[in-house]
Amino acid sequence: MKRIFLVAGESSGDIHGGNLVRAIREAAPDAACEGLGGRHMAEAGMELRHNLAERGIMGFTEVVQSLRYLRRLYYDTLDHLARTRPSCLVLIDYPGFNLRLAKAVKQLGIPVVYYISPQVWAWKRKRIHTLARTVDKMLVILPFEEPLYKELGLDCVYVGHPLLDYISSVPVRGVFRDECVIGLMPGSRAQEIRRLMPLMLEVARKIQEAHPNARFITPCVDTAREAQVRAAAGDFPLETAVGQTYELLDAARFCLVASGTATLETALFQVPMVVVYKVSPLSFWIARRLVRVEHIALANILAEKRIVPEFVQGEASVQNVAPAALELLGDTPRRASVLAEYARLREKLGERGASRKAAAGVLEAATRGADV
């Protein structure tokens, strides 16, 4: 029997991990999956040893503050892997934790598969050499990543983007359809909401002045984040919805979006957006010296040009964001241009089936591990 241990450390990784677990179990019903992740992976049939995704730790200073927790979890996981020796280890993004684990597990002779590559093309480029030494198989989701790893002789397969599968699998009932629905999407982590929600609400007030009939909605991952958003909104007429991000995107005319996977989701739903992001001053200072990409929004990175406006740190102000938002809300040439670029972006991502292709790669590695 194949025994597969998976690790995902934040919300989107948990979602894609859940779809991967489901695809593994469909292809090999007798495969046993356990690991670190979140509710999506657990609901798909993985035995959840720890809900790491729920913590959603990100940023340099935030990681430092959680070092004791992460160190304890790391050693507990490594000890468990050494004792149980699964057929393979599957790491899903989350490089700070997962790269360290890959190095140690490689010494145990357990095959290591990395699904959803760390963004070595954006920052910490030297990590690509660490991956080449410690990972047996890379399963990448962006088309330009495959040649980066193949140049180093690493077994690498471009499986496509799992969002294409996930979006098509989530039923949308049209519960928010209205004439002018605007999404405020500050992210799924408490620290993102704390930093971005005040700005989004200021911009929303400016939009409300120009569009009094606008309906503002924030999707939330759980009731705790919903309470945080409601507290931040105060007397502003903001609606919240738990677990209904795609219902919102299906109805929205425009969204304010935190940088991350949500920018690609918004683009795939053909919703014009402005992307904003803020981190702690120390995290931003460090990032400026490490990051090597021109854009922060995944939609812009994939398009290889700025198709939607993005504002980071000090530039993320109501004076900058509100005019850009109002321009994209109207029937303007700028809005038409964004929608045309979205169509080209969708073509670039290729066909569906990422989870199924990734599952095949994992099971191949697990077969080798089970035979050792």
Protein backbone atom coordinates (compact mmCIF):
# COMPACT_ATOMS: atom_id res chain seq x y z
CA MET A 1 0.00 0.00 0.00
CA LYS A 2 1.27 3.48 -0.87
CA ARG A 3 1.50 5.85 2.09
CA ILE A 4 1.84 9.51 1.19
CA PHE A 5 2.66 12.34 3.59
CA LEU A 6 1.71 15.87 2.45
CA VAL A 7 2.54 19.31 3.84
CA ALA A 8 0.68 22.56 3.04
CA GLY A 9 1.10 25.63 5.20
CA GLU A 10 -1.48 28.17 4.10
CA SER A 11 -4.99 28.55 2.70
CA SER A 12 -4.42 28.24 -1.05
CA GLY A 13 -1.99 25.35 -0.54
CA ASP A 14 -4.66 23.59 1.51
CA ILE A 15 -7.20 24.06 -1.29
CA HIS A 16 -4.88 22.71 -3.97
CA GLY A 17 -3.67 20.01 -1.60
CA GLY A 18 -7.26 18.93 -1.07
CA ASN A 19 -7.79 18.55 -4.80
CA LEU A 20 -4.51 16.64 -5.08
CA VAL A 21 -5.48 14.24 -2.28
CA ARG A 22 -8.84 13.66 -3.97
CA ALA A 23 -7.13 12.94 -7.31
CA ILE A 24 -4.66 10.56 -5.63
CA ARG A 25 -7.45 8.63 -3.97
CA GLU A 26 -9.42 8.43 -7.23
CA ALA A 27 -6.39 7.04 -9.08
CA ALA A 28 -5.30 4.76 -6.21
CA PRO A 29 -8.18 4.06 -3.79
CA ASP A 30 -5.91 2.09 -1.46
CA ALA A 31 -3.42 4.96 -1.05
CA ALA A 32 -3.22 6.32 2.51
CA CYS A 33 -2.68 10.08 2.87
CA GLU A 34 -1.73 11.93 6.03
CA GLY A 35 0.07 15.15 6.82
CA LEU A 36 -0.04 18.82 7.71
CA GLY A 37 -2.57 21.04 5.99
CA GLY A 38 -6.08 22.26 6.61
CA ARG A 39 -9.76 21.43 6.35
CA HIS A 40 -9.79 21.01 2.55
CA MET A 41 -7.16 18.29 2.70
CA ALA A 42 -8.92 16.64 5.63
CA GLU A 43 -12.28 16.71 3.82
CA ALA A 44 -10.61 15.11 0.78
CA GLY A 45 -9.58 12.13 2.90
CA MET A 46 -6.19 13.03 4.37
CA GLU A 47 -5.53 12.20 8.02
CA LEU A 48 -4.72 15.66 9.40
CA ARG A 49 -1.92 15.53 11.95
CA HIS A 50 -1.87 19.29 12.44
CA ASN A 51 -3.84 22.21 10.98
CA LEU A 52 -0.83 24.20 9.81
CA ALA A 53 -2.82 26.03 7.12
CA GLU A 54 -5.05 27.59 9.77
CA ARG A 55 -2.08 29.52 11.16
CA GLY A 56 -1.26 31.10 7.77
CA ILE A 57 2.11 32.50 8.88
CA MET A 58 3.72 34.81 6.31
CA GLY A 59 6.20 37.71 6.19
CA PHE A 60 9.66 37.93 7.71
CA THR A 61 8.76 39.42 11.08
CA GLU A 62 5.66 37.20 11.44
CA VAL A 63 7.74 34.07 10.88
CA VAL A 64 10.26 35.20 13.49
CA GLN A 65 7.45 35.64 16.00
CA SER A 66 6.27 32.06 15.32
CA LEU A 67 9.69 30.39 15.33
CA ARG A 68 9.11 28.38 18.51
CA TYR A 69 5.86 26.95 17.20
CA LEU A 70 7.36 26.15 13.76
CA ARG A 71 10.49 24.58 15.24
CA ARG A 72 8.45 22.31 17.49
CA LEU A 73 6.21 21.27 14.60
CA TYR A 74 9.20 20.68 12.32
CA TYR A 75 10.95 18.30 14.71
CA ASP A 76 7.71 16.50 15.54
CA THR A 77 7.05 15.99 11.81
CA LEU A 78 10.60 14.87 11.07
CA ASP A 79 10.50 12.37 13.93
CA HIS A 80 7.19 11.01 12.66
CA LEU A 81 8.55 10.62 9.12
CA ALA A 82 11.68 8.85 10.36
CA ARG A 83 9.55 6.37 12.34
CA THR A 84 6.80 5.72 9.79
CA ARG A 85 8.82 6.07 6.54
CA PRO A 86 6.04 6.91 4.07
CA SER A 87 6.30 5.97 0.39
CA CYS A 88 6.90 9.62 -0.47
CA LEU A 89 6.73 13.15 0.91
CA VAL A 90 4.72 15.77 -1.02
CA LEU A 91 5.51 19.41 -0.26
CA ILE A 92 3.09 22.11 -1.39
CA ASP A 93 4.59 25.62 -1.72
CA TYR A 94 5.37 27.06 1.80
CA PRO A 95 9.16 27.08 1.19
CA GLY A 96 10.42 28.36 4.55
CA PHE A 97 9.22 25.22 6.31
CA ASN A 98 9.16 22.78 3.41
CA LEU A 99 12.66 23.32 2.03
CA ARG A 100 14.19 22.60 5.41
CA LEU A 101 12.06 19.49 5.72
CA ALA A 102 13.07 18.35 2.22
CA LYS A 103 16.77 18.52 3.10
CA ALA A 104 16.30 16.35 6.19
CA VAL A 105 13.95 13.83 4.57
CA LYS A 106 16.29 13.39 1.61
CA GLN A 107 18.81 11.92 4.08
CA LEU A 108 16.20 9.34 5.11
CA GLY A 109 15.94 8.01 1.57
CA ILE A 110 12.26 8.97 1.24
CA PRO A 111 11.34 10.32 -2.23
CA VAL A 112 10.48 14.03 -2.13
CA VAL A 113 7.95 15.57 -4.53
CA TYR A 114 7.44 19.35 -4.64
CA TYR A 115 4.06 20.51 -5.95
CA ILE A 116 3.66 24.25 -6.60
CA SER A 117 7.20 25.55 -6.72
CA PRO A 118 8.62 28.22 -4.44
CA GLN A 119 8.88 31.45 -6.42
CA VAL A 120 12.61 31.12 -7.10
CA TRP A 121 12.18 33.32 -10.17
CA ALA A 122 11.02 36.16 -7.91
CA TRP A 123 13.39 36.03 -4.97
CA LYS A 124 16.04 33.85 -3.31
CA ARG A 125 17.12 32.49 -6.69
CA LYS A 126 19.75 30.30 -4.99
CA ARG A 127 16.92 28.15 -3.63
CA ILE A 128 16.67 26.54 -7.06
CA HIS A 129 19.99 24.78 -6.40
CA THR A 130 18.72 23.57 -3.00
CA LEU A 131 15.66 22.17 -4.73
CA ALA A 132 17.80 20.44 -7.35
CA ARG A 133 19.78 18.69 -4.58
CA THR A 134 16.91 17.71 -2.31
CA VAL A 135 13.82 17.13 -4.48
CA ASP A 136 13.27 14.05 -6.63
CA LYS A 137 10.41 15.46 -8.70
CA MET A 138 9.03 18.98 -9.29
CA LEU A 139 5.40 19.46 -10.32
CA VAL A 140 5.08 23.10 -11.41
CA ILE A 141 1.98 25.14 -12.20
CA LEU A 142 3.40 28.05 -14.21
CA PRO A 143 4.60 27.44 -17.78
CA PHE A 144 7.91 29.32 -17.45
CA GLU A 145 8.99 27.30 -14.37
CA GLU A 146 9.58 23.98 -16.14
CA PRO A 147 12.68 25.02 -18.14
CA LEU A 148 14.25 26.61 -15.03
CA TYR A 149 14.41 23.24 -13.29
CA LYS A 150 15.11 21.12 -16.34
CA GLU A 151 18.23 23.18 -17.00
CA LEU A 152 19.57 21.83 -13.70
CA GLY A 153 18.72 18.24 -14.58
CA LEU A 154 15.81 18.04 -12.14
CA ASP A 155 12.86 15.84 -13.09
CA CYS A 156 10.21 18.52 -13.64
CA VAL A 157 6.72 18.42 -15.15
CA TYR A 158 4.43 21.37 -15.92
CA VAL A 159 0.99 20.12 -14.88
CA GLY A 160 -1.01 23.30 -15.47
CA HIS A 161 -2.62 25.59 -12.92
CA PRO A 162 -4.90 23.88 -10.38
CA LEU A 163 -7.15 26.93 -10.17
CA LEU A 164 -8.62 25.98 -13.54
CA ASP A 165 -9.84 22.72 -12.01
CA TYR A 166 -10.91 24.23 -8.73
CA ILE A 167 -12.91 27.09 -10.22
CA SER A 168 -14.82 24.74 -12.49
CA SER A 169 -15.59 22.40 -9.57
CA VAL A 170 -17.16 25.01 -7.27
CA PRO A 171 -20.90 25.52 -7.91
CA VAL A 172 -21.93 29.16 -8.26
CA ARG A 173 -25.59 29.93 -7.60
CA GLY A 174 -25.61 33.64 -8.39
CA VAL A 175 -26.63 34.75 -4.89
CA PHE A 176 -24.90 38.14 -5.10
CA ARG A 177 -25.78 39.18 -8.63
CA ASP A 178 -26.61 42.86 -8.68
CA GLU A 179 -25.97 45.90 -10.85
CA CYS A 180 -22.86 47.13 -9.03
CA VAL A 181 -21.24 44.58 -6.72
CA ILE A 182 -17.77 45.50 -5.50
CA GLY A 183 -15.51 43.04 -3.72
CA LEU A 184 -13.08 44.02 -0.97
CA MET A 185 -10.65 41.12 -0.68
CA PRO A 186 -7.94 41.81 1.92
CA GLY A 187 -6.71 38.21 2.14
CA SER A 188 -7.32 35.25 4.41
CA ARG A 189 -4.78 35.99 7.15
CA ALA A 190 -5.45 38.12 10.22
CA GLN A 191 -2.39 40.29 9.60
CA GLU A 192 -3.43 40.99 5.98
CA ILE A 193 -6.89 42.09 7.11
CA ARG A 194 -5.38 44.27 9.80
CA ARG A 195 -3.10 46.06 7.33
CA LEU A 196 -5.28 46.24 4.23
CA MET A 197 -8.89 46.55 5.40
CA PRO A 198 -8.61 50.20 6.55
CA LEU A 199 -7.29 51.23 3.12
CA MET A 200 -9.95 49.22 1.30
CA LEU A 201 -12.68 50.83 3.38
CA GLU A 202 -11.35 54.31 2.65
CA VAL A 203 -11.37 53.55 -1.07
CA ALA A 204 -14.86 52.03 -0.75
CA ARG A 205 -16.13 55.31 0.73
CA LYS A 206 -14.76 57.18 -2.29
CA ILE A 207 -16.46 54.71 -4.62
CA GLN A 208 -19.69 55.05 -2.66
CA GLU A 209 -19.66 58.82 -3.23
CA ALA A 210 -19.54 58.26 -7.00
CA HIS A 211 -21.77 55.17 -7.02
CA PRO A 212 -24.32 55.44 -4.17
CA ASN A 213 -26.04 52.20 -5.19
CA ALA A 214 -22.86 50.12 -5.03
CA ARG A 215 -22.97 46.97 -2.91
CA PHE A 216 -19.74 46.12 -1.06
CA ILE A 217 -18.97 42.52 -0.05
CA THR A 218 -15.94 40.89 1.62
CA PRO A 219 -15.58 37.09 1.43
CA CYS A 220 -14.10 35.49 4.57
CA VAL A 221 -12.48 32.10 5.08
CA ASP A 222 -14.13 31.54 8.48
CA THR A 223 -16.20 33.19 11.19
CA ALA A 224 -13.13 34.46 13.06
CA ARG A 225 -11.97 36.45 10.01
CA GLU A 226 -15.55 37.57 9.43
CA ALA A 227 -15.69 39.04 12.96
CA GLN A 228 -12.39 40.82 12.35
CA VAL A 229 -13.66 42.31 9.08
CA ARG A 230 -16.95 43.42 10.63
CA ALA A 231 -15.10 45.11 13.49
CA ALA A 232 -12.89 46.98 11.03
CA ALA A 233 -15.87 48.08 8.92
CA GLY A 234 -17.63 49.79 11.82
CA ASP A 235 -20.70 51.63 10.49
CA PHE A 236 -19.76 51.21 6.82
CA PRO A 237 -22.45 49.13 5.00
CA LEU A 238 -20.14 46.21 4.22
CA GLU A 239 -21.58 42.73 3.73
CA THR A 240 -19.54 39.65 4.61
CA ALA A 241 -19.84 36.10 3.36
CA VAL A 242 -18.03 33.04 4.71
CA GLY A 243 -16.77 30.59 2.10
CA GLN A 244 -18.38 32.37 -0.84
CA THR A 245 -15.45 33.94 -2.67
CA TYR A 246 -16.49 32.57 -6.04
CA GLU A 247 -20.09 33.68 -5.54
CA LEU A 248 -18.72 37.19 -5.09
CA LEU A 249 -16.37 37.00 -8.09
CA ASP A 250 -19.20 35.67 -10.26
CA ALA A 251 -21.23 38.80 -9.45
CA ALA A 252 -18.58 41.50 -9.02
CA ARG A 253 -18.05 44.38 -11.42
CA PHE A 254 -14.80 45.35 -9.71
CA CYS A 255 -12.59 44.16 -6.82
CA LEU A 256 -9.88 45.52 -4.56
CA VAL A 257 -7.58 42.53 -4.04
CA ALA A 258 -4.60 41.68 -1.85
CA SER A 259 -1.62 40.39 -3.81
CA GLY A 260 -1.60 36.60 -3.99
CA THR A 261 -3.50 33.76 -5.60
CA ALA A 262 -6.71 35.82 -5.40
CA THR A 263 -5.43 38.08 -8.19
CA LEU A 264 -5.39 35.13 -10.59
CA GLU A 265 -8.79 33.93 -9.39
CA THR A 266 -10.21 37.40 -9.99
CA ALA A 267 -8.68 37.52 -13.47
CA LEU A 268 -10.09 34.10 -14.37
CA PHE A 269 -13.54 35.36 -13.38
CA GLN A 270 -13.00 38.33 -15.73
CA VAL A 271 -13.33 40.94 -12.97
CA PRO A 272 -11.23 44.15 -13.30
CA MET A 273 -9.25 44.84 -10.13
CA VAL A 274 -6.72 46.98 -8.36
CA VAL A 275 -4.11 45.03 -6.41
CA VAL A 276 -2.76 46.35 -3.10
CA TYR A 277 -0.36 45.04 -0.52
CA LYS A 278 1.29 46.09 2.73
CA VAL A 279 3.62 44.24 5.08
CA SER A 280 5.54 45.27 8.18
CA PRO A 281 8.23 47.94 7.57
CA LEU A 282 11.00 45.43 8.32
CA SER A 283 9.50 42.81 5.98
CA PHE A 284 9.25 45.41 3.21
CA TRP A 285 12.82 46.59 3.75
CA ILE A 286 14.09 43.03 3.44
CA ALA A 287 11.85 42.23 0.47
CA ARG A 288 13.11 45.23 -1.51
CA ARG A 289 16.59 43.78 -1.33
CA LEU A 290 15.59 40.24 -2.26
CA VAL A 291 12.70 40.39 -4.72
CA ARG A 292 13.68 40.35 -8.39
CA VAL A 293 10.37 40.77 -10.24
CA GLU A 294 8.76 43.89 -11.67
CA HIS A 295 5.23 42.99 -10.55
CA ILE A 296 3.63 41.54 -7.42
CA ALA A 297 0.24 40.49 -8.82
CA LEU A 298 0.29 36.94 -10.17
CA ALA A 299 -1.92 38.04 -13.05
CA ASN A 300 0.70 40.64 -14.05
CA ILE A 301 3.60 38.22 -13.57
CA LEU A 302 1.99 35.65 -15.86
CA ALA A 303 1.11 38.28 -18.45
CA GLU A 304 4.70 39.60 -18.21
CA LYS A 305 3.37 43.14 -18.08
CA ARG A 306 1.18 45.29 -15.86
CA ILE A 307 -2.35 44.53 -17.04
CA VAL A 308 -3.95 45.64 -13.74
CA PRO A 309 -2.82 48.43 -11.40
CA GLU A 310 -0.88 47.41 -8.31
CA PHE A 311 0.14 49.53 -5.33
CA VAL A 312 2.55 48.34 -2.64
CA GLN A 313 3.38 49.70 0.81
CA GLY A 314 3.58 53.53 0.71
CA GLU A 315 2.01 53.66 -2.76
CA ALA A 316 -1.04 51.84 -1.40
CA SER A 317 -2.91 55.01 -0.46
CA VAL A 318 -6.46 56.15 -1.04
CA GLN A 319 -5.12 58.98 -3.24
CA ASN A 320 -3.57 56.44 -5.63
CA VAL A 321 -6.00 53.56 -5.41
CA ALA A 322 -9.37 55.35 -5.59
CA PRO A 323 -8.87 56.97 -9.04
CA ALA A 324 -7.63 53.67 -10.49
CA ALA A 325 -10.64 51.88 -9.02
CA LEU A 326 -13.14 54.41 -10.37
CA GLU A 327 -11.61 54.20 -13.85
CA LEU A 328 -12.02 50.41 -13.93
CA LEU A 329 -15.56 50.59 -12.60
CA GLY A 330 -16.80 52.63 -15.55
CA ASP A 331 -17.25 51.57 -19.16
CA THR A 332 -13.85 52.95 -20.06
CA PRO A 333 -11.13 51.97 -22.57
CA ARG A 334 -8.99 50.94 -19.58
CA ARG A 335 -11.62 48.45 -18.44
CA ALA A 336 -11.98 47.04 -21.97
CA SER A 337 -8.19 46.65 -22.19
CA VAL A 338 -8.02 44.71 -18.91
CA LEU A 339 -10.76 42.32 -20.02
CA ALA A 340 -8.96 41.67 -23.33
CA GLU A 341 -5.72 40.92 -21.47
CA TYR A 342 -7.57 38.50 -19.19
CA ALA A 343 -8.66 36.47 -22.21
CA ARG A 344 -5.05 36.18 -23.40
CA LEU A 345 -3.94 35.21 -19.90
CA ARG A 346 -6.48 32.39 -19.76
CA GLU A 347 -5.15 31.00 -23.04
CA LYS A 348 -1.60 31.04 -21.69
CA LEU A 349 -2.55 28.79 -18.75
CA GLY A 350 -3.55 25.93 -21.06
CA GLU A 351 -5.91 23.06 -20.29
CA ARG A 352 -7.45 21.78 -17.07
CA GLY A 353 -6.30 18.63 -15.30
CA ALA A 354 -3.48 19.88 -13.02
CA SER A 355 -4.59 17.87 -10.00
CA ARG A 356 -4.93 14.66 -12.02
CA LYS A 357 -1.50 15.12 -13.64
CA ALA A 358 0.09 15.98 -10.30
CA ALA A 359 -1.46 12.89 -8.70
CA ALA A 360 0.09 10.72 -11.41
CA GLY A 361 3.51 12.20 -10.62
CA VAL A 362 3.07 11.66 -6.88
CA LEU A 363 1.96 8.05 -7.32
CA GLU A 364 4.92 7.35 -9.60
CA ALA A 365 7.28 8.62 -6.89
CA ALA A 366 5.35 6.72 -4.20
CA THR A 367 5.69 3.49 -6.18
CA ARG A 368 9.47 3.94 -6.24
CA GLY A 369 9.48 4.70 -2.51
CA ALA A 370 7.31 1.73 -1.65
CA ASP A 371 9.69 -0.57 -3.53
CA VAL A 372 12.75 0.62 -1.60
